[in-house]
C-alpha cells in the first residue's frame, strides 16, 4: 500500500502487477512505463499476484480512498476467482473507499453477478473509456453490472465522445494523455463531455488537461470553467 499522486485518490493497492494491451488507450500505458524503469528483466506482461499484500488495507487506521491495482487490471482473465474473492472480503471488512477500474467489463459483470459485492457503497466499479468505440462497448456492460457506484475514467481522452446513456453512471473522470508520446486531447472535447454530464446530473472530476502543448495537472492553472473536481454524491 502506497500513497499516490493520482489526483482523484489517496493510495494505490497493488497486490497484482502486470497486464497486457487490449485497446488504443493502452498504447502509452503509464504502468508499463513505470515497470520498464523498475522491474529490470521482468516483462510487463508477466502478471504476478502477491498474496502477502492482500491484507494491507487493514493496516490503514483512518478511512482512505484506495485505487485497486493501478499497475494491473483486477479483472484480467489470468486472475483466479479465489483471489478476487479474497480481495473483496478485505474491502468489505474495512471502512475504506475502493476505486476499481477495468478494461475488461465482461469479466467484472460475470463475477459480480455471482456475489453481492457490488451492492456495497464503499466499492466503486468503473471502466476506462478512451474513445467512442470503448464507450459504446464498455458502458452498456457496466450498466448491467450490479453495483452501487459506477464510474467512467475518460482517460486518455483520444477523441470526441457522445455518450448514449449516462443514467446509472455516478461519476466521470476526464484527463488528457501524459508522457512523451502523448496524443492530442482538445479542450473542446473535455468541455463537451462536461456539458453532457451536467445535463445528466453526473459529477465530474477534471484530472489533467493539455494546454499549449503541455500536460497541466494543477487545477489552479485550468481555465476557470474547467476547474471542476467533484465526487459521487452521498458516497
Foldseek 3Di string as FASTA:
>chain_A
DAADPQPQFGEEQAQKAAEDDDDPLCPPPPLQVVCVVPVVPDHSNPIDGNVVRLQVVVVDPDATEYEYRSRYACQPPPHDLVVVVSSLVNQVVDDYAYEHEHLCLVSQQVSQVVDVSQADPSYEYEYEDQDQVSLVPRVVSQQSHRHPAYEYENPCNADAYDHPDCVSHAEYEYAHYDDDPGHDDDPVSVVVVVVVCVVVVHAYAYQWDQDPNHIDRPLVPDPPVNSGGDGGPPD
